[in-house]
Amino acid sequence: MFQHFFRFQGHRANAGREVQAGLTIIAIPLTFSIAEGIGIGLISAALLALALGKPRSITRVGYSVAAVFFLQFLRNFPFNG
């Protein structure tokens, strides 16, 4: 993950992995939870795959896990503890 994050050049056509890695690295300390940071990374990976027109780059299981994390985040919103 750090390799994708530190090799980000900004002009590459396939910047999805770098953006997803960066969001995951930033989200883990901000949420104080490794699991939530990884969840944000999986959700961003799924959304970026769809936005970049490469939906087959992630498996059905990946989309399912991202959906479960998304629903879990919705259940805890706004700060229910």
Foldseek 3Di string as FASTA:
>chain_A
DVVLCVPDDPPDLPNQVNVLVVQLVVVCVVVVHNVLSVLSSLLSSCVVCVVSVNNVVDDPVSVVSNVVSVVVVVVCPPPPD
